[in-house]
């Protein structure tokens, strides 16, 4: 059972339960940002996309 479902079963208002879900997503987002700071991959992905797509001529 998810924390949101548990809060609902405990009688919390549905708006509070939605807030719990938003907090969980925000914590997840901060974790992804911290991981990107420690191990940046965005530039590598962008470089590889540009490199691999430019290697194939585009049809006219």
PDB file of N, CA and C in Angstrom:
ATOM      1  N   UNK A   1       0.849  -1.180   0.000  1.00  0.00           N
ATOM      2  CA  UNK A   1       0.000   0.000   0.000  1.00  0.00           C
ATOM      3  C   UNK A   1       0.895   1.244   0.000  1.00  0.00           C
ATOM      4  N   UNK A   2       0.551   2.213  -0.816  1.00  0.00           N
ATOM      5  CA  UNK A   2       1.355   3.433  -0.919  1.00  0.00           C
ATOM      6  C   UNK A   2       1.096   4.360   0.265  1.00  0.00           C
ATOM      7  N   UNK A   3       2.041   5.254   0.554  1.00  0.00           N
ATOM      8  CA  UNK A   3       1.819   6.220   1.638  1.00  0.00           C
ATOM      9  C   UNK A   3       0.570   7.071   1.411  1.00  0.00           C
ATOM     10  N   UNK A   4       0.255   7.359   0.151  1.00  0.00           N
ATOM     11  CA  UNK A   4      -0.939   8.156  -0.148  1.00  0.00           C
ATOM     12  C   UNK A   4      -2.196   7.374   0.224  1.00  0.00           C
ATOM     13  N   UNK A   5      -2.225   6.093  -0.118  1.00  0.00           N
ATOM     14  CA  UNK A   5      -3.376   5.250   0.219  1.00  0.00           C
ATOM     15  C   UNK A   5      -3.506   5.098   1.729  1.00  0.00           C
ATOM     16  N   UNK A   6      -2.380   4.970   2.407  1.00  0.00           N
ATOM     17  CA  UNK A   6      -2.405   4.844   3.871  1.00  0.00           C
ATOM     18  C   UNK A   6      -2.972   6.113   4.494  1.00  0.00           C
ATOM     19  N   UNK A   7      -2.507   7.279   4.018  1.00  0.00           N
ATOM     20  CA  UNK A   7      -3.019   8.546   4.545  1.00  0.00           C
ATOM     21  C   UNK A   7      -4.516   8.659   4.301  1.00  0.00           C
ATOM     22  N   UNK A   8      -4.972   8.216   3.143  1.00  0.00           N
ATOM     23  CA  UNK A   8      -6.397   8.248   2.829  1.00  0.00           C
ATOM     24  C   UNK A   8      -7.179   7.335   3.766  1.00  0.00           C
ATOM     25  N   UNK A   9      -6.647   6.132   3.988  1.00  0.00           N
ATOM     26  CA  UNK A   9      -7.304   5.185   4.897  1.00  0.00           C
ATOM     27  C   UNK A   9      -7.341   5.712   6.329  1.00  0.00           C
ATOM     28  N   UNK A  10      -6.351   6.528   6.698  1.00  0.00           N
ATOM     29  CA  UNK A  10      -6.320   7.105   8.044  1.00  0.00           C
ATOM     30  C   UNK A  10      -7.271   8.287   8.185  1.00  0.00           C
ATOM     31  N   UNK A  11      -7.928   8.657   7.090  1.00  0.00           N
ATOM     32  CA  UNK A  11      -8.935   9.700   7.147  1.00  0.00           C
ATOM     33  C   UNK A  11      -8.443  11.088   6.787  1.00  0.00           C
ATOM     34  N   UNK A  12      -7.235  11.203   6.254  1.00  0.00           N
ATOM     35  CA  UNK A  12      -6.748  12.507   5.833  1.00  0.00           C
ATOM     36  C   UNK A  12      -7.565  12.996   4.640  1.00  0.00           C
ATOM     37  N   UNK A  13      -7.733  14.298   4.571  1.00  0.00           N
ATOM     38  CA  UNK A  13      -8.433  14.919   3.454  1.00  0.00           C
ATOM     39  C   UNK A  13      -7.709  14.582   2.149  1.00  0.00           C
ATOM     40  N   UNK A  14      -8.450  14.449   1.049  1.00  0.00           N
ATOM     41  CA  UNK A  14      -7.845  14.060  -0.224  1.00  0.00           C
ATOM     42  C   UNK A  14      -6.803  15.066  -0.690  1.00  0.00           C
ATOM     43  N   UNK A  15      -6.991  16.355  -0.322  1.00  0.00           N
ATOM     44  CA  UNK A  15      -6.013  17.374  -0.727  1.00  0.00           C
ATOM     45  C   UNK A  15      -4.686  17.179  -0.009  1.00  0.00           C
ATOM     46  N   UNK A  16      -4.735  16.728   1.228  1.00  0.00           N
ATOM     47  CA  UNK A  16      -3.508  16.421   1.966  1.00  0.00           C
ATOM     48  C   UNK A  16      -2.826  15.212   1.329  1.00  0.00           C
ATOM     49  N   UNK A  17      -3.607  14.230   0.944  1.00  0.00           N
ATOM     50  CA  UNK A  17      -3.043  13.035   0.294  1.00  0.00           C
ATOM     51  C   UNK A  17      -2.357  13.405  -1.017  1.00  0.00           C
ATOM     52  N   UNK A  18      -2.953  14.299  -1.787  1.00  0.00           N
ATOM     53  CA  UNK A  18      -2.309  14.761  -3.031  1.00  0.00           C
ATOM     54  C   UNK A  18      -1.003  15.468  -2.716  1.00  0.00           C
ATOM     55  N   UNK A  19      -0.990  16.243  -1.633  1.00  0.00           N
ATOM     56  CA  UNK A  19       0.230  16.935  -1.220  1.00  0.00           C
ATOM     57  C   UNK A  19       1.345  15.968  -0.883  1.00  0.00           C
ATOM     58  N   UNK A  20       0.990  14.848  -0.269  1.00  0.00           N
ATOM     59  CA  UNK A  20       1.990  13.822   0.050  1.00  0.00           C
ATOM     60  C   UNK A  20       2.597  13.283  -1.245  1.00  0.00           C
ATOM     61  N   UNK A  21       1.776  13.068  -2.242  1.00  0.00           N
ATOM     62  CA  UNK A  21       2.280  12.596  -3.532  1.00  0.00           C
ATOM     63  C   UNK A  21       3.199  13.605  -4.193  1.00  0.00           C
ATOM     64  N   UNK A  22       2.841  14.879  -4.108  1.00  0.00           N
ATOM     65  CA  UNK A  22       3.674  15.930  -4.701  1.00  0.00           C
ATOM     66  C   UNK A  22       5.007  16.012  -3.986  1.00  0.00           C
ATOM     67  N   UNK A  23       5.004  15.893  -2.666  1.00  0.00           N
ATOM     68  CA  UNK A  23       6.256  15.919  -1.901  1.00  0.00           C
ATOM     69  C   UNK A  23       7.152  14.766  -2.334  1.00  0.00           C
ATOM     70  N   UNK A  24       6.573  13.591  -2.510  1.00  0.00           N
ATOM     71  CA  UNK A  24       7.352  12.434  -2.948  1.00  0.00           C
ATOM     72  C   UNK A  24       7.983  12.652  -4.307  1.00  0.00           C
ATOM     73  N   UNK A  25       7.233  13.238  -5.216  1.00  0.00           N
ATOM     74  CA  UNK A  25       7.780  13.509  -6.555  1.00  0.00           C
ATOM     75  C   UNK A  25       8.878  14.563  -6.497  1.00  0.00           C
ATOM     76  N   UNK A  26       8.712  15.562  -5.623  1.00  0.00           N
ATOM     77  CA  UNK A  26       9.735  16.607  -5.491  1.00  0.00           C
ATOM     78  C   UNK A  26      11.040  16.023  -4.955  1.00  0.00           C
ATOM     79  N   UNK A  27      10.942  15.136  -3.973  1.00  0.00           N
ATOM     80  CA  UNK A  27      12.137  14.483  -3.434  1.00  0.00           C
ATOM     81  C   UNK A  27      12.815  13.663  -4.524  1.00  0.00           C
ATOM     82  N   UNK A  28      12.039  12.973  -5.333  1.00  0.00           N
ATOM     83  CA  UNK A  28      12.584  12.184  -6.437  1.00  0.00           C
ATOM     84  C   UNK A  28      13.312  13.086  -7.433  1.00  0.00           C
ATOM     85  N   UNK A  29      12.726  14.230  -7.753  1.00  0.00           N
ATOM     86  CA  UNK A  29      13.340  15.172  -8.683  1.00  0.00           C
ATOM     87  C   UNK A  29      14.669  15.686  -8.135  1.00  0.00           C
ATOM     88  N   UNK A  30      14.710  16.023  -6.849  1.00  0.00           N
ATOM     89  CA  UNK A  30      15.955  16.484  -6.231  1.00  0.00           C
ATOM     90  C   UNK A  30      17.015  15.389  -6.307  1.00  0.00           C
ATOM     91  N   UNK A  31      16.624  14.150  -6.123  1.00  0.00           N
ATOM     92  CA  UNK A  31      17.561  13.033  -6.244  1.00  0.00           C
ATOM     93  C   UNK A  31      18.136  12.926  -7.645  1.00  0.00           C
ATOM     94  N   UNK A  32      17.293  13.108  -8.658  1.00  0.00           N
ATOM     95  CA  UNK A  32      17.770  13.062 -10.047  1.00  0.00           C
ATOM     96  C   UNK A  32      18.732  14.216 -10.332  1.00  0.00           C
ATOM     97  N   UNK A  33      18.429  15.394  -9.805  1.00  0.00           N
ATOM     98  CA  UNK A  33      19.312  16.547  -9.996  1.00  0.00           C
ATOM     99  C   UNK A  33      20.657  16.300  -9.326  1.00  0.00           C
ATOM    100  N   UNK A  34      20.642  15.766  -8.102  1.00  0.00           N
ATOM    101  CA  UNK A  34      21.892  15.468  -7.395  1.00  0.00           C
ATOM    102  C   UNK A  34      22.721  14.445  -8.161  1.00  0.00           C
ATOM    103  N   UNK A  35      22.064  13.445  -8.721  1.00  0.00           N
ATOM    104  CA  UNK A  35      22.778  12.436  -9.510  1.00  0.00           C
ATOM    105  C   UNK A  35      23.399  13.061 -10.755  1.00  0.00           C
ATOM    106  N   UNK A  36      22.673  13.952 -11.404  1.00  0.00           N
ATOM    107  CA  UNK A  36      23.195  14.620 -12.602  1.00  0.00           C
ATOM    108  C   UNK A  36      24.389  15.511 -12.250  1.00  0.00           C
ATOM    109  N   UNK A  37      24.364  16.128 -11.078  1.00  0.00           N
ATOM    110  CA  UNK A  37      25.497  16.951 -10.639  1.00  0.00           C
ATOM    111  C   UNK A  37      26.723  16.074 -10.410  1.00  0.00           C
ATOM    112  N   UNK A  38      26.530  14.937  -9.769  1.00  0.00           N
ATOM    113  CA  UNK A  38      27.650  14.025  -9.488  1.00  0.00           C
ATOM    114  C   UNK A  38      28.163  13.336 -10.741  1.00  0.00           C
ATOM    115  N   UNK A  39      27.249  12.957 -11.613  1.00  0.00           N
ATOM    116  CA  UNK A  39      27.617  12.187 -12.797  1.00  0.00           C
ATOM    117  C   UNK A  39      26.861  12.742 -14.009  1.00  0.00           C
ATOM    118  N   UNK A  40      27.338  13.870 -14.565  1.00  0.00           N
ATOM    119  CA  UNK A  40      26.597  14.494 -15.670  1.00  0.00           C
ATOM    120  C   UNK A  40      26.600  13.641 -16.934  1.00  0.00           C
ATOM    121  N   UNK A  41      25.427  13.437 -17.488  1.00  0.00           N
ATOM    122  CA  UNK A  41      25.309  12.652 -18.717  1.00  0.00           C
ATOM    123  C   UNK A  41      24.596  13.421 -19.829  1.00  0.00           C
ATOM    124  N   UNK A  42      23.962  14.536 -19.507  1.00  0.00           N
ATOM    125  CA  UNK A  42      23.170  15.262 -20.501  1.00  0.00           C
ATOM    126  C   UNK A  42      24.013  15.710 -21.684  1.00  0.00           C
ATOM    127  N   UNK A  43      25.194  16.260 -21.428  1.00  0.00           N
ATOM    128  CA  UNK A  43      26.046  16.712 -22.532  1.00  0.00           C
ATOM    129  C   UNK A  43      26.498  15.542 -23.390  1.00  0.00           C
ATOM    130  N   UNK A  44      26.826  14.430 -22.746  1.00  0.00           N
ATOM    131  CA  UNK A  44      27.257  13.238 -23.492  1.00  0.00           C
ATOM    132  C   UNK A  44      26.125  12.724 -24.375  1.00  0.00           C
ATOM    133  N   UNK A  45      24.919  12.693 -23.845  1.00  0.00           N
ATOM    134  CA  UNK A  45      23.769  12.238 -24.633  1.00  0.00           C
ATOM    135  C   UNK A  45      23.548  13.179 -25.816  1.00  0.00           C
ATOM    136  N   UNK A  46      23.589  14.484 -25.568  1.00  0.00           N
ATOM    137  CA  UNK A  46      23.402  15.462 -26.633  1.00  0.00           C
ATOM    138  C   UNK A  46      24.481  15.320 -27.703  1.00  0.00           C
ATOM    139  N   UNK A  47      25.723  15.159 -27.288  1.00  0.00           N
ATOM    140  CA  UNK A  47      26.831  15.008 -28.228  1.00  0.00           C
ATOM    141  C   UNK A  47      26.648  13.761 -29.079  1.00  0.00           C
ATOM    142  N   UNK A  48      26.293  12.650 -28.433  1.00  0.00           N
ATOM    143  CA  UNK A  48      26.121  11.392 -29.174  1.00  0.00           C
ATOM    144  C   UNK A  48      24.961  11.465 -30.153  1.00  0.00           C
ATOM    145  N   UNK A  49      23.877  12.095 -29.752  1.00  0.00           N
ATOM    146  CA  UNK A  49      22.734  12.241 -30.666  1.00  0.00           C
ATOM    147  C   UNK A  49      23.155  13.035 -31.892  1.00  0.00           C
ATOM    148  N   UNK A  50      23.831  14.160 -31.657  1.00  0.00           N
ATOM    149  CA  UNK A  50      24.281  14.999 -32.772  1.00  0.00           C
ATOM    150  C   UNK A  50      25.249  14.237 -33.668  1.00  0.00           C
ATOM    151  N   UNK A  51      26.165  13.519 -33.063  1.00  0.00           N
ATOM    152  CA  UNK A  51      27.171  12.758 -33.807  1.00  0.00           C
ATOM    153  C   UNK A  51      26.532  11.647 -34.642  1.00  0.00           C
ATOM    154  N   UNK A  52      25.641  10.898 -34.030  1.00  0.00           N
ATOM    155  CA  UNK A  52      25.057   9.741 -34.710  1.00  0.00           C
ATOM    156  C   UNK A  52      24.011  10.132 -35.749  1.00  0.00           C
ATOM    157  N   UNK A  53      23.283  11.209 -35.508  1.00  0.00           N
ATOM    158  CA  UNK A  53      22.282  11.600 -36.503  1.00  0.00           C
ATOM    159  C   UNK A  53      22.907  12.342 -37.668  1.00  0.00           C
ATOM    160  N   UNK A  54      23.997  13.042 -37.432  1.00  0.00           N
ATOM    161  CA  UNK A  54      24.646  13.749 -38.539  1.00  0.00           C
ATOM    162  C   UNK A  54      25.444  12.788 -39.422  1.00  0.00           C
ATOM    163  N   UNK A  55      25.693  11.578 -38.944  1.00  0.00           N
ATOM    164  CA  UNK A  55      26.416  10.584 -39.735  1.00  0.00           C
ATOM    165  C   UNK A  55      25.541  10.002 -40.842  1.00  0.00           C
ATOM    166  N   UNK A  56      24.227  10.166 -40.725  1.00  0.00           N
ATOM    167  CA  UNK A  56      23.286   9.643 -41.717  1.00  0.00           C
ATOM    168  C   UNK A  56      22.734  10.803 -42.536  1.00  0.00           C
ATOM    169  N   UNK A  57      22.914  10.779 -43.851  1.00  0.00           N
ATOM    170  CA  UNK A  57      22.370  11.876 -44.663  1.00  0.00           C
ATOM    171  C   UNK A  57      20.846  11.878 -44.615  1.00  0.00           C
ATOM    172  N   UNK A  58      20.286  13.056 -44.550  1.00  0.00           N
ATOM    173  CA  UNK A  58      18.832  13.187 -44.511  1.00  0.00           C
ATOM    174  C   UNK A  58      18.280  13.178 -45.931  1.00  0.00           C
ATOM    175  N   UNK A  59      17.161  12.498 -46.147  1.00  0.00           N
ATOM    176  CA  UNK A  59      16.561  12.488 -47.492  1.00  0.00           C
ATOM    177  C   UNK A  59      16.032  13.874 -47.850  1.00  0.00           C
ATOM    178  N   UNK A  60      16.083  14.191 -49.130  1.00  0.00           N
ATOM    179  CA  UNK A  60      15.610  15.521 -49.581  1.00  0.00           C
ATOM    180  C   UNK A  60      14.192  15.470 -50.072  1.00  0.00           C
TER     181      UNK A  60
END
